[in-house]
Amino acid sequence: MRKEGESFKRLIEEFNRVGRILFTGGLNNSHSGNLSVRLGDRVVITRRGAMLGELAADDLVDVGLIEDDSGIALASTEVKVHRAIFAATSHLAIVHAHPRTATALSMGRDFLVPVDDEGRYYFKRIPVLAVRASIGSDDLERELPAMLKDYPIVMVRGHGAFAVGGNLEEGLQITHALEWSCDILLRCLALGMTEEDLMGDRTHGEW
């Protein structure tokens, strides 16, 4: 990937915009999370330890979809997970974030089920994947791709969310929708409501 020209300028602008919204929206801390897009047989991913709220051109790393090359040492620790998802699905972008409320609720659930109407519009339920090692692990490489064929977002228990789409904005939107619904659920539970009382009708929703 040549870090020059209009196409790269648009790409870094999109990474910047999405990374900044993730950080300012409280979906990542200063140095957490990662973003990637697939460009043919290449993957552009944020570098290891990048600040998503302040991305620069050098924070984007170009790696092969299948084969390791010189960029692999600089890429995010989740790079092999991203490559496995791209290789097994038709998705073109991945947003990995650490939404606090969704992560907290994932600790005791196999699925996150929205109770608000907007959340129900987007999801019927969001699966929670429990693995022994949750950061850049072989378990994630093996389990996540198949799940992300059926769901636009998956929570990894105690870790964070992997959202997919045709571009980074789609992944951002679905991540925000998940955290918003989880925040509403947590507030309802804090008010003494039970999840059984809150369930209601689940006949609508895309997923």
N, C-alpha and C. Protein backbone atom coordinates (compact mmCIF):
# COMPACT_ATOMS: atom_id res chain seq x y z
N MET A 1 0.84 -1.20 0.00
CA MET A 1 0.00 0.00 0.00
C MET A 1 0.87 1.24 0.00
N ARG A 2 0.70 2.06 -1.01
CA ARG A 2 1.46 3.31 -1.08
C ARG A 2 0.77 4.37 -0.24
N LYS A 3 1.51 4.96 0.69
CA LYS A 3 0.93 5.94 1.60
C LYS A 3 0.96 7.34 0.98
N GLU A 4 0.28 7.43 -0.15
CA GLU A 4 0.20 8.69 -0.86
C GLU A 4 -0.99 8.61 -1.81
N GLY A 5 -1.39 9.74 -2.38
CA GLY A 5 -2.48 9.75 -3.33
C GLY A 5 -3.83 9.89 -2.66
N GLU A 6 -4.86 10.12 -3.48
CA GLU A 6 -6.20 10.38 -2.97
C GLU A 6 -6.82 9.17 -2.29
N SER A 7 -6.56 7.96 -2.82
CA SER A 7 -7.17 6.77 -2.22
C SER A 7 -6.66 6.55 -0.81
N PHE A 8 -5.35 6.73 -0.61
CA PHE A 8 -4.83 6.58 0.75
C PHE A 8 -5.31 7.70 1.65
N LYS A 9 -5.42 8.90 1.13
CA LYS A 9 -5.93 10.03 1.92
C LYS A 9 -7.33 9.75 2.43
N ARG A 10 -8.19 9.22 1.55
CA ARG A 10 -9.55 8.88 1.98
C ARG A 10 -9.54 7.75 3.00
N LEU A 11 -8.64 6.80 2.83
CA LEU A 11 -8.57 5.67 3.76
C LEU A 11 -8.15 6.14 5.15
N ILE A 12 -7.09 6.95 5.26
CA ILE A 12 -6.65 7.42 6.57
C ILE A 12 -7.71 8.32 7.19
N GLU A 13 -8.42 9.08 6.39
CA GLU A 13 -9.50 9.92 6.93
C GLU A 13 -10.60 9.06 7.54
N GLU A 14 -10.94 7.95 6.88
CA GLU A 14 -11.97 7.06 7.42
C GLU A 14 -11.50 6.36 8.69
N PHE A 15 -10.27 5.87 8.71
CA PHE A 15 -9.72 5.28 9.93
C PHE A 15 -9.72 6.32 11.05
N ASN A 16 -9.30 7.54 10.74
CA ASN A 16 -9.27 8.62 11.74
C ASN A 16 -10.64 8.90 12.31
N ARG A 17 -11.61 9.04 11.41
CA ARG A 17 -12.96 9.40 11.83
C ARG A 17 -13.56 8.34 12.74
N VAL A 18 -13.47 7.09 12.33
CA VAL A 18 -14.04 6.01 13.11
C VAL A 18 -13.27 5.82 14.42
N GLY A 19 -11.94 5.86 14.37
CA GLY A 19 -11.15 5.71 15.59
C GLY A 19 -11.44 6.79 16.61
N ARG A 20 -11.59 8.02 16.13
CA ARG A 20 -11.87 9.14 17.03
C ARG A 20 -13.24 8.99 17.70
N ILE A 21 -14.25 8.56 16.93
CA ILE A 21 -15.59 8.38 17.49
C ILE A 21 -15.60 7.25 18.51
N LEU A 22 -14.86 6.17 18.23
CA LEU A 22 -14.77 5.06 19.20
C LEU A 22 -14.18 5.54 20.51
N PHE A 23 -13.11 6.36 20.43
CA PHE A 23 -12.46 6.83 21.65
C PHE A 23 -13.33 7.85 22.39
N THR A 24 -13.80 8.87 21.69
CA THR A 24 -14.58 9.91 22.36
C THR A 24 -15.92 9.38 22.86
N GLY A 25 -16.42 8.32 22.22
CA GLY A 25 -17.66 7.71 22.66
C GLY A 25 -17.49 6.72 23.79
N GLY A 26 -16.26 6.56 24.29
CA GLY A 26 -16.02 5.68 25.42
C GLY A 26 -16.04 4.20 25.09
N LEU A 27 -15.88 3.87 23.81
CA LEU A 27 -15.89 2.47 23.41
C LEU A 27 -14.51 1.84 23.44
N ASN A 28 -13.48 2.65 23.61
CA ASN A 28 -12.09 2.19 23.79
C ASN A 28 -11.38 3.13 24.74
N ASN A 29 -10.36 2.62 25.43
CA ASN A 29 -9.51 3.52 26.18
C ASN A 29 -8.43 4.07 25.25
N SER A 30 -7.46 4.78 25.78
CA SER A 30 -6.54 5.53 24.92
C SER A 30 -5.78 4.67 23.92
N HIS A 31 -5.39 3.45 24.30
CA HIS A 31 -4.56 2.62 23.43
C HIS A 31 -5.17 1.25 23.14
N SER A 32 -6.47 1.12 23.22
CA SER A 32 -7.08 -0.19 23.00
C SER A 32 -7.86 -0.23 21.70
N GLY A 33 -8.22 -1.45 21.29
CA GLY A 33 -9.02 -1.64 20.09
C GLY A 33 -8.18 -1.61 18.82
N ASN A 34 -8.79 -2.02 17.73
CA ASN A 34 -8.12 -1.99 16.44
C ASN A 34 -9.15 -1.98 15.31
N LEU A 35 -8.71 -1.50 14.16
CA LEU A 35 -9.55 -1.37 12.97
C LEU A 35 -8.83 -1.99 11.79
N SER A 36 -9.58 -2.54 10.85
CA SER A 36 -8.96 -3.06 9.64
C SER A 36 -9.92 -3.02 8.48
N VAL A 37 -9.36 -2.97 7.27
CA VAL A 37 -10.14 -3.11 6.04
C VAL A 37 -9.40 -4.08 5.12
N ARG A 38 -10.17 -4.77 4.31
CA ARG A 38 -9.58 -5.67 3.32
C ARG A 38 -9.54 -4.97 1.97
N LEU A 39 -8.40 -5.00 1.32
CA LEU A 39 -8.23 -4.47 -0.02
C LEU A 39 -7.68 -5.58 -0.90
N GLY A 40 -8.56 -6.34 -1.51
CA GLY A 40 -8.12 -7.47 -2.32
C GLY A 40 -7.44 -8.53 -1.48
N ASP A 41 -6.18 -8.84 -1.80
CA ASP A 41 -5.44 -9.84 -1.03
C ASP A 41 -4.55 -9.20 0.03
N ARG A 42 -4.85 -7.94 0.38
CA ARG A 42 -4.12 -7.23 1.42
C ARG A 42 -5.08 -6.80 2.53
N VAL A 43 -4.53 -6.59 3.72
CA VAL A 43 -5.30 -6.09 4.86
C VAL A 43 -4.57 -4.87 5.41
N VAL A 44 -5.30 -3.78 5.58
CA VAL A 44 -4.76 -2.59 6.24
C VAL A 44 -5.33 -2.57 7.64
N ILE A 45 -4.45 -2.57 8.64
CA ILE A 45 -4.86 -2.68 10.03
C ILE A 45 -4.06 -1.69 10.88
N THR A 46 -4.65 -1.25 11.96
CA THR A 46 -3.94 -0.35 12.85
C THR A 46 -2.76 -1.06 13.49
N ARG A 47 -1.71 -0.30 13.75
CA ARG A 47 -0.50 -0.90 14.30
C ARG A 47 -0.68 -1.26 15.77
N ARG A 48 0.21 -2.07 16.27
CA ARG A 48 0.20 -2.48 17.67
C ARG A 48 0.35 -1.25 18.57
N GLY A 49 -0.55 -1.10 19.54
CA GLY A 49 -0.48 -0.01 20.50
C GLY A 49 -0.91 1.34 19.97
N ALA A 50 -1.58 1.39 18.82
CA ALA A 50 -1.99 2.67 18.24
C ALA A 50 -3.07 3.33 19.10
N MET A 51 -3.07 4.65 19.09
CA MET A 51 -4.12 5.43 19.74
C MET A 51 -5.20 5.68 18.69
N LEU A 52 -6.33 5.00 18.81
CA LEU A 52 -7.36 5.13 17.78
C LEU A 52 -7.94 6.53 17.70
N GLY A 53 -7.86 7.28 18.79
CA GLY A 53 -8.37 8.63 18.78
C GLY A 53 -7.49 9.63 18.07
N GLU A 54 -6.24 9.24 17.75
CA GLU A 54 -5.29 10.14 17.10
C GLU A 54 -4.43 9.37 16.10
N LEU A 55 -5.05 8.78 15.12
CA LEU A 55 -4.32 7.97 14.15
C LEU A 55 -3.60 8.84 13.13
N ALA A 56 -2.38 8.43 12.79
CA ALA A 56 -1.60 9.07 11.73
C ALA A 56 -1.30 8.03 10.66
N ALA A 57 -0.74 8.47 9.55
CA ALA A 57 -0.46 7.57 8.44
C ALA A 57 0.40 6.39 8.87
N ASP A 58 1.38 6.61 9.73
CA ASP A 58 2.28 5.54 10.16
C ASP A 58 1.59 4.53 11.08
N ASP A 59 0.36 4.83 11.50
CA ASP A 59 -0.37 3.90 12.36
C ASP A 59 -1.13 2.86 11.56
N LEU A 60 -1.11 2.96 10.25
CA LEU A 60 -1.75 1.97 9.39
C LEU A 60 -0.70 1.04 8.82
N VAL A 61 -0.92 -0.26 8.99
CA VAL A 61 0.04 -1.28 8.56
C VAL A 61 -0.60 -2.15 7.48
N ASP A 62 0.15 -2.40 6.44
CA ASP A 62 -0.30 -3.20 5.30
C ASP A 62 0.29 -4.60 5.42
N VAL A 63 -0.58 -5.62 5.49
CA VAL A 63 -0.11 -7.00 5.60
C VAL A 63 -0.84 -7.87 4.59
N GLY A 64 -0.28 -9.03 4.29
CA GLY A 64 -0.93 -9.97 3.40
C GLY A 64 -2.13 -10.61 4.05
N LEU A 65 -3.14 -10.94 3.26
CA LEU A 65 -4.32 -11.62 3.79
C LEU A 65 -3.98 -13.01 4.31
N ILE A 66 -3.09 -13.69 3.61
CA ILE A 66 -2.75 -15.07 3.98
C ILE A 66 -1.32 -15.18 4.50
N GLU A 67 -0.37 -14.65 3.73
CA GLU A 67 1.04 -14.82 4.06
C GLU A 67 1.57 -13.69 4.95
N ASP A 68 2.45 -14.05 5.88
CA ASP A 68 3.13 -13.03 6.68
C ASP A 68 4.15 -12.30 5.81
N ASP A 69 4.36 -11.02 6.10
CA ASP A 69 5.39 -10.25 5.41
C ASP A 69 5.96 -9.25 6.39
N SER A 70 6.70 -8.28 5.89
CA SER A 70 7.44 -7.38 6.78
C SER A 70 6.55 -6.57 7.72
N GLY A 71 5.29 -6.35 7.35
CA GLY A 71 4.42 -5.54 8.18
C GLY A 71 3.88 -6.24 9.41
N ILE A 72 4.00 -7.57 9.44
CA ILE A 72 3.34 -8.33 10.49
C ILE A 72 3.84 -7.97 11.88
N ALA A 73 5.12 -7.63 12.02
CA ALA A 73 5.69 -7.33 13.33
C ALA A 73 5.13 -6.04 13.93
N LEU A 74 4.65 -5.13 13.07
CA LEU A 74 4.12 -3.85 13.53
C LEU A 74 2.62 -3.88 13.74
N ALA A 75 1.96 -4.86 13.16
CA ALA A 75 0.50 -4.88 13.17
C ALA A 75 -0.06 -5.18 14.55
N SER A 76 -1.33 -4.85 14.74
CA SER A 76 -2.03 -5.13 15.98
C SER A 76 -1.86 -6.58 16.41
N THR A 77 -1.92 -6.82 17.71
CA THR A 77 -1.84 -8.18 18.22
C THR A 77 -3.01 -9.04 17.74
N GLU A 78 -4.08 -8.40 17.27
CA GLU A 78 -5.25 -9.14 16.79
C GLU A 78 -5.18 -9.40 15.29
N VAL A 79 -4.05 -9.15 14.64
CA VAL A 79 -3.99 -9.21 13.18
C VAL A 79 -4.38 -10.59 12.64
N LYS A 80 -3.96 -11.66 13.30
CA LYS A 80 -4.29 -12.98 12.79
C LYS A 80 -5.78 -13.27 12.90
N VAL A 81 -6.43 -12.71 13.90
CA VAL A 81 -7.88 -12.86 14.05
C VAL A 81 -8.58 -12.12 12.91
N HIS A 82 -8.15 -10.89 12.64
CA HIS A 82 -8.74 -10.13 11.54
C HIS A 82 -8.57 -10.87 10.21
N ARG A 83 -7.37 -11.39 9.96
CA ARG A 83 -7.13 -12.09 8.70
C ARG A 83 -8.00 -13.33 8.59
N ALA A 84 -8.19 -14.04 9.68
CA ALA A 84 -9.04 -15.24 9.66
C ALA A 84 -10.48 -14.89 9.33
N ILE A 85 -10.97 -13.78 9.88
CA ILE A 85 -12.34 -13.33 9.60
C ILE A 85 -12.49 -12.96 8.13
N PHE A 86 -11.55 -12.18 7.61
CA PHE A 86 -11.61 -11.79 6.21
C PHE A 86 -11.53 -13.00 5.28
N ALA A 87 -10.67 -13.93 5.60
CA ALA A 87 -10.46 -15.10 4.74
C ALA A 87 -11.70 -15.99 4.68
N ALA A 88 -12.49 -16.01 5.76
CA ALA A 88 -13.62 -16.92 5.84
C ALA A 88 -14.97 -16.27 5.52
N THR A 89 -15.00 -14.95 5.38
CA THR A 89 -16.26 -14.25 5.15
C THR A 89 -16.11 -13.27 3.98
N SER A 90 -17.21 -12.63 3.63
CA SER A 90 -17.19 -11.62 2.58
C SER A 90 -17.09 -10.20 3.12
N HIS A 91 -16.89 -10.06 4.43
CA HIS A 91 -16.82 -8.73 5.04
C HIS A 91 -15.56 -7.99 4.60
N LEU A 92 -15.66 -6.67 4.54
CA LEU A 92 -14.54 -5.84 4.07
C LEU A 92 -13.96 -4.95 5.16
N ALA A 93 -14.56 -4.94 6.34
CA ALA A 93 -14.05 -4.09 7.43
C ALA A 93 -14.38 -4.72 8.77
N ILE A 94 -13.48 -4.50 9.74
CA ILE A 94 -13.65 -5.02 11.10
C ILE A 94 -13.37 -3.91 12.10
N VAL A 95 -14.25 -3.78 13.07
CA VAL A 95 -14.06 -2.85 14.18
C VAL A 95 -14.00 -3.67 15.45
N HIS A 96 -12.87 -3.60 16.14
CA HIS A 96 -12.74 -4.29 17.43
C HIS A 96 -12.65 -3.23 18.52
N ALA A 97 -13.62 -3.24 19.42
CA ALA A 97 -13.70 -2.24 20.48
C ALA A 97 -13.90 -2.92 21.83
N HIS A 98 -13.78 -2.12 22.89
CA HIS A 98 -13.93 -2.62 24.25
C HIS A 98 -15.06 -1.87 24.98
N PRO A 99 -16.29 -2.00 24.51
CA PRO A 99 -17.41 -1.31 25.15
C PRO A 99 -17.62 -1.81 26.58
N ARG A 100 -17.60 -0.88 27.52
CA ARG A 100 -17.56 -1.27 28.94
C ARG A 100 -18.82 -1.97 29.42
N THR A 101 -19.98 -1.43 29.10
CA THR A 101 -21.21 -2.04 29.60
C THR A 101 -21.45 -3.40 28.97
N ALA A 102 -21.24 -3.50 27.67
CA ALA A 102 -21.41 -4.79 27.01
C ALA A 102 -20.43 -5.82 27.55
N THR A 103 -19.20 -5.39 27.82
CA THR A 103 -18.21 -6.31 28.37
C THR A 103 -18.62 -6.78 29.76
N ALA A 104 -19.09 -5.86 30.59
CA ALA A 104 -19.53 -6.23 31.94
C ALA A 104 -20.68 -7.22 31.88
N LEU A 105 -21.67 -6.96 31.03
CA LEU A 105 -22.82 -7.86 30.94
C LEU A 105 -22.46 -9.20 30.33
N SER A 106 -21.41 -9.23 29.53
CA SER A 106 -21.01 -10.50 28.90
C SER A 106 -20.47 -11.50 29.91
N MET A 107 -20.08 -11.03 31.09
CA MET A 107 -19.44 -11.91 32.06
C MET A 107 -20.36 -13.04 32.54
N GLY A 108 -21.67 -12.80 32.53
CA GLY A 108 -22.58 -13.82 33.05
C GLY A 108 -23.62 -14.29 32.06
N ARG A 109 -23.39 -14.07 30.75
CA ARG A 109 -24.39 -14.40 29.75
C ARG A 109 -23.77 -15.10 28.55
N ASP A 110 -24.59 -15.92 27.89
CA ASP A 110 -24.20 -16.54 26.63
C ASP A 110 -24.67 -15.71 25.44
N PHE A 111 -25.69 -14.86 25.67
CA PHE A 111 -26.18 -13.94 24.67
C PHE A 111 -26.52 -12.62 25.35
N LEU A 112 -26.35 -11.52 24.63
CA LEU A 112 -26.84 -10.22 25.06
C LEU A 112 -28.11 -9.94 24.27
N VAL A 113 -29.21 -9.71 25.00
CA VAL A 113 -30.51 -9.56 24.35
C VAL A 113 -31.05 -8.16 24.62
N PRO A 114 -31.17 -7.31 23.61
CA PRO A 114 -31.68 -5.95 23.82
C PRO A 114 -33.11 -5.95 24.36
N VAL A 115 -33.40 -4.98 25.20
CA VAL A 115 -34.77 -4.81 25.70
C VAL A 115 -35.39 -3.52 25.19
N ASP A 116 -34.59 -2.66 24.56
CA ASP A 116 -35.12 -1.42 24.00
C ASP A 116 -35.51 -1.63 22.54
N ASP A 117 -36.44 -0.80 22.06
CA ASP A 117 -36.97 -0.99 20.71
C ASP A 117 -35.92 -0.80 19.63
N GLU A 118 -35.04 0.20 19.78
CA GLU A 118 -34.02 0.41 18.76
C GLU A 118 -33.05 -0.76 18.72
N GLY A 119 -32.67 -1.24 19.90
CA GLY A 119 -31.80 -2.41 19.94
C GLY A 119 -32.44 -3.61 19.29
N ARG A 120 -33.74 -3.81 19.53
CA ARG A 120 -34.46 -4.93 18.94
C ARG A 120 -34.53 -4.81 17.42
N TYR A 121 -34.54 -3.58 16.94
CA TYR A 121 -34.56 -3.38 15.48
C TYR A 121 -33.29 -3.92 14.84
N TYR A 122 -32.17 -3.73 15.50
CA TYR A 122 -30.89 -4.17 14.94
C TYR A 122 -30.55 -5.61 15.27
N PHE A 123 -30.90 -6.07 16.45
CA PHE A 123 -30.49 -7.41 16.89
C PHE A 123 -31.66 -8.15 17.52
N LYS A 124 -31.69 -9.44 17.33
CA LYS A 124 -32.50 -10.29 18.20
C LYS A 124 -31.67 -10.64 19.43
N ARG A 125 -30.41 -10.98 19.18
CA ARG A 125 -29.49 -11.28 20.27
C ARG A 125 -28.08 -11.22 19.73
N ILE A 126 -27.13 -11.02 20.62
CA ILE A 126 -25.72 -10.95 20.27
C ILE A 126 -25.01 -12.07 21.02
N PRO A 127 -24.35 -12.98 20.32
CA PRO A 127 -23.69 -14.09 21.01
C PRO A 127 -22.46 -13.63 21.79
N VAL A 128 -22.22 -14.34 22.88
CA VAL A 128 -21.02 -14.12 23.70
C VAL A 128 -20.12 -15.34 23.55
N LEU A 129 -18.90 -15.12 23.10
CA LEU A 129 -17.93 -16.19 22.93
C LEU A 129 -17.00 -16.24 24.12
N ALA A 130 -16.95 -17.39 24.79
CA ALA A 130 -16.05 -17.58 25.92
C ALA A 130 -14.89 -18.47 25.49
N VAL A 131 -13.68 -17.96 25.64
CA VAL A 131 -12.48 -18.72 25.28
C VAL A 131 -11.46 -18.61 26.41
N ARG A 132 -10.49 -19.52 26.43
CA ARG A 132 -9.47 -19.49 27.46
C ARG A 132 -8.58 -18.25 27.35
N ALA A 133 -8.10 -17.99 26.15
CA ALA A 133 -7.27 -16.82 25.89
C ALA A 133 -8.04 -15.93 24.93
N SER A 134 -8.26 -14.69 25.32
CA SER A 134 -9.18 -13.85 24.56
C SER A 134 -8.51 -12.75 23.74
N ILE A 135 -7.19 -12.66 23.77
CA ILE A 135 -6.51 -11.59 23.04
C ILE A 135 -5.60 -12.19 21.98
N GLY A 136 -5.97 -12.01 20.72
CA GLY A 136 -5.16 -12.47 19.60
C GLY A 136 -4.85 -13.95 19.62
N SER A 137 -5.79 -14.76 20.09
CA SER A 137 -5.49 -16.17 20.32
C SER A 137 -5.93 -17.07 19.16
N ASP A 138 -5.39 -18.29 19.17
CA ASP A 138 -5.83 -19.30 18.21
C ASP A 138 -7.30 -19.61 18.39
N ASP A 139 -7.79 -19.54 19.62
CA ASP A 139 -9.21 -19.79 19.88
C ASP A 139 -10.08 -18.80 19.12
N LEU A 140 -9.71 -17.52 19.14
CA LEU A 140 -10.49 -16.51 18.41
C LEU A 140 -10.39 -16.74 16.91
N GLU A 141 -9.21 -17.05 16.42
CA GLU A 141 -9.04 -17.33 14.99
C GLU A 141 -9.95 -18.48 14.54
N ARG A 142 -10.10 -19.45 15.40
CA ARG A 142 -10.86 -20.64 15.06
C ARG A 142 -12.37 -20.41 15.18
N GLU A 143 -12.82 -19.68 16.21
CA GLU A 143 -14.24 -19.58 16.53
C GLU A 143 -14.96 -18.39 15.90
N LEU A 144 -14.30 -17.23 15.85
CA LEU A 144 -14.99 -16.00 15.45
C LEU A 144 -15.47 -15.99 13.99
N PRO A 145 -14.66 -16.43 13.02
CA PRO A 145 -15.11 -16.30 11.63
C PRO A 145 -16.47 -16.93 11.35
N ALA A 146 -16.71 -18.13 11.84
CA ALA A 146 -17.99 -18.80 11.60
C ALA A 146 -19.14 -18.03 12.25
N MET A 147 -18.92 -17.50 13.43
CA MET A 147 -19.97 -16.75 14.12
C MET A 147 -20.30 -15.46 13.38
N LEU A 148 -19.27 -14.83 12.81
CA LEU A 148 -19.49 -13.56 12.12
C LEU A 148 -20.04 -13.74 10.71
N LYS A 149 -20.28 -14.97 10.29
CA LYS A 149 -21.06 -15.21 9.08
C LYS A 149 -22.55 -15.04 9.37
N ASP A 150 -22.95 -15.28 10.61
CA ASP A 150 -24.36 -15.25 10.99
C ASP A 150 -24.77 -14.02 11.79
N TYR A 151 -23.79 -13.35 12.40
CA TYR A 151 -24.07 -12.18 13.22
C TYR A 151 -23.15 -11.03 12.80
N PRO A 152 -23.65 -9.77 12.88
CA PRO A 152 -22.81 -8.64 12.52
C PRO A 152 -21.83 -8.25 13.62
N ILE A 153 -22.04 -8.79 14.81
CA ILE A 153 -21.15 -8.45 15.93
C ILE A 153 -21.17 -9.60 16.93
N VAL A 154 -20.03 -9.87 17.54
CA VAL A 154 -19.90 -10.91 18.56
C VAL A 154 -19.14 -10.32 19.73
N MET A 155 -19.61 -10.61 20.94
CA MET A 155 -18.89 -10.22 22.15
C MET A 155 -17.98 -11.36 22.58
N VAL A 156 -16.74 -11.04 22.88
CA VAL A 156 -15.82 -12.01 23.49
C VAL A 156 -15.86 -11.74 25.00
N ARG A 157 -16.24 -12.75 25.75
CA ARG A 157 -16.47 -12.56 27.19
C ARG A 157 -15.26 -11.96 27.89
N GLY A 158 -15.51 -10.87 28.60
CA GLY A 158 -14.47 -10.22 29.38
C GLY A 158 -13.45 -9.47 28.56
N HIS A 159 -13.67 -9.32 27.26
CA HIS A 159 -12.66 -8.70 26.40
C HIS A 159 -13.26 -7.55 25.60
N GLY A 160 -14.11 -7.85 24.63
CA GLY A 160 -14.65 -6.78 23.80
C GLY A 160 -15.43 -7.33 22.64
N ALA A 161 -15.78 -6.44 21.70
CA ALA A 161 -16.64 -6.78 20.59
C ALA A 161 -15.88 -6.77 19.27
N PHE A 162 -16.24 -7.69 18.39
CA PHE A 162 -15.78 -7.69 17.01
C PHE A 162 -16.99 -7.46 16.12
N ALA A 163 -17.01 -6.34 15.41
CA ALA A 163 -18.10 -6.00 14.50
C ALA A 163 -17.59 -5.98 13.07
N VAL A 164 -18.44 -6.38 12.14
CA VAL A 164 -18.02 -6.48 10.74
C VAL A 164 -19.01 -5.73 9.84
N GLY A 165 -18.57 -5.46 8.61
CA GLY A 165 -19.43 -4.79 7.66
C GLY A 165 -18.73 -4.54 6.36
N GLY A 166 -19.41 -3.78 5.49
CA GLY A 166 -18.82 -3.44 4.21
C GLY A 166 -17.82 -2.31 4.30
N ASN A 167 -17.84 -1.57 5.40
CA ASN A 167 -16.88 -0.49 5.64
C ASN A 167 -16.78 -0.25 7.13
N LEU A 168 -15.85 0.59 7.55
CA LEU A 168 -15.63 0.82 8.97
C LEU A 168 -16.82 1.48 9.64
N GLU A 169 -17.53 2.34 8.93
CA GLU A 169 -18.67 3.01 9.55
C GLU A 169 -19.76 2.02 9.94
N GLU A 170 -19.97 0.98 9.13
CA GLU A 170 -20.95 -0.03 9.48
C GLU A 170 -20.56 -0.74 10.78
N GLY A 171 -19.28 -1.07 10.91
CA GLY A 171 -18.82 -1.69 12.15
C GLY A 171 -18.97 -0.77 13.34
N LEU A 172 -18.68 0.52 13.15
CA LEU A 172 -18.84 1.51 14.21
C LEU A 172 -20.30 1.60 14.63
N GLN A 173 -21.19 1.69 13.66
CA GLN A 173 -22.61 1.85 13.95
C GLN A 173 -23.16 0.68 14.77
N ILE A 174 -22.78 -0.53 14.38
CA ILE A 174 -23.31 -1.70 15.07
C ILE A 174 -22.69 -1.83 16.46
N THR A 175 -21.45 -1.39 16.62
CA THR A 175 -20.81 -1.40 17.94
C THR A 175 -21.49 -0.42 18.88
N HIS A 176 -21.77 0.78 18.38
CA HIS A 176 -22.47 1.77 19.19
C HIS A 176 -23.87 1.29 19.57
N ALA A 177 -24.57 0.66 18.61
CA ALA A 177 -25.92 0.16 18.89
C ALA A 177 -25.89 -0.89 19.99
N LEU A 178 -24.88 -1.76 19.96
CA LEU A 178 -24.74 -2.77 21.00
C LEU A 178 -24.53 -2.13 22.36
N GLU A 179 -23.58 -1.21 22.46
CA GLU A 179 -23.27 -0.60 23.76
C GLU A 179 -24.45 0.21 24.28
N TRP A 180 -25.14 0.92 23.38
CA TRP A 180 -26.30 1.73 23.78
C TRP A 180 -27.38 0.83 24.40
N SER A 181 -27.66 -0.31 23.75
CA SER A 181 -28.67 -1.23 24.25
C SER A 181 -28.24 -1.86 25.57
N CYS A 182 -26.96 -2.18 25.69
CA CYS A 182 -26.47 -2.76 26.94
C CYS A 182 -26.55 -1.76 28.08
N ASP A 183 -26.29 -0.49 27.79
CA ASP A 183 -26.40 0.55 28.81
C ASP A 183 -27.85 0.68 29.28
N ILE A 184 -28.80 0.64 28.35
CA ILE A 184 -30.21 0.71 28.72
C ILE A 184 -30.59 -0.50 29.57
N LEU A 185 -30.14 -1.69 29.17
CA LEU A 185 -30.43 -2.90 29.95
C LEU A 185 -29.89 -2.78 31.36
N LEU A 186 -28.64 -2.32 31.50
CA LEU A 186 -28.04 -2.18 32.82
C LEU A 186 -28.82 -1.20 33.69
N ARG A 187 -29.27 -0.09 33.10
CA ARG A 187 -30.05 0.89 33.86
C ARG A 187 -31.39 0.30 34.31
N CYS A 188 -32.01 -0.49 33.44
CA CYS A 188 -33.26 -1.13 33.82
C CYS A 188 -33.06 -2.11 34.98
N LEU A 189 -31.99 -2.87 34.91
CA LEU A 189 -31.69 -3.81 35.99
C LEU A 189 -31.40 -3.07 37.29
N ALA A 190 -30.70 -1.93 37.19
CA ALA A 190 -30.40 -1.13 38.38
C ALA A 190 -31.67 -0.56 39.01
N LEU A 191 -32.70 -0.36 38.21
CA LEU A 191 -33.98 0.15 38.71
C LEU A 191 -34.85 -0.96 39.30
N GLY A 192 -34.34 -2.18 39.28
CA GLY A 192 -35.06 -3.28 39.91
C GLY A 192 -35.92 -4.11 38.97
N MET A 193 -35.90 -3.79 37.68
CA MET A 193 -36.66 -4.58 36.71
C MET A 193 -35.93 -5.90 36.45
N THR A 194 -36.68 -6.92 36.09
CA THR A 194 -36.06 -8.20 35.75
C THR A 194 -36.01 -8.36 34.23
N GLU A 195 -35.07 -9.15 33.76
CA GLU A 195 -34.98 -9.36 32.32
C GLU A 195 -36.23 -10.05 31.78
N GLU A 196 -36.85 -10.91 32.60
CA GLU A 196 -38.08 -11.58 32.18
C GLU A 196 -39.19 -10.56 31.94
N ASP A 197 -39.28 -9.56 32.82
CA ASP A 197 -40.30 -8.52 32.65
C ASP A 197 -40.04 -7.67 31.41
N LEU A 198 -38.77 -7.53 31.05
CA LEU A 198 -38.39 -6.62 29.98
C LEU A 198 -38.41 -7.23 28.59
N MET A 199 -38.50 -8.54 28.50
CA MET A 199 -38.32 -9.20 27.21
C MET A 199 -39.32 -8.75 26.15
N GLY A 200 -40.59 -8.87 26.40
CA GLY A 200 -41.58 -8.43 25.43
C GLY A 200 -41.53 -9.26 24.15
N ASP A 201 -42.06 -8.67 23.08
CA ASP A 201 -42.15 -9.35 21.79
C ASP A 201 -40.82 -9.25 21.04
N ARG A 202 -40.35 -10.38 20.46
CA ARG A 202 -39.07 -10.40 19.75
C ARG A 202 -39.27 -10.82 18.29
N THR A 203 -40.40 -10.45 17.73
CA THR A 203 -40.68 -10.94 16.37
C THR A 203 -40.02 -10.10 15.29
N HIS A 204 -39.47 -8.92 15.64
CA HIS A 204 -38.85 -8.10 14.62
C HIS A 204 -37.37 -7.92 14.91
N GLY A 205 -36.64 -7.50 13.91
CA GLY A 205 -35.19 -7.37 14.02
C GLY A 205 -34.52 -8.07 12.84
N GLU A 206 -33.40 -7.54 12.43
CA GLU A 206 -32.73 -8.07 11.25
C GLU A 206 -31.97 -9.35 11.56
N TRP A 207 -31.36 -9.47 12.76
CA TRP A 207 -30.50 -10.60 13.06
C TRP A 207 -30.99 -11.33 14.29
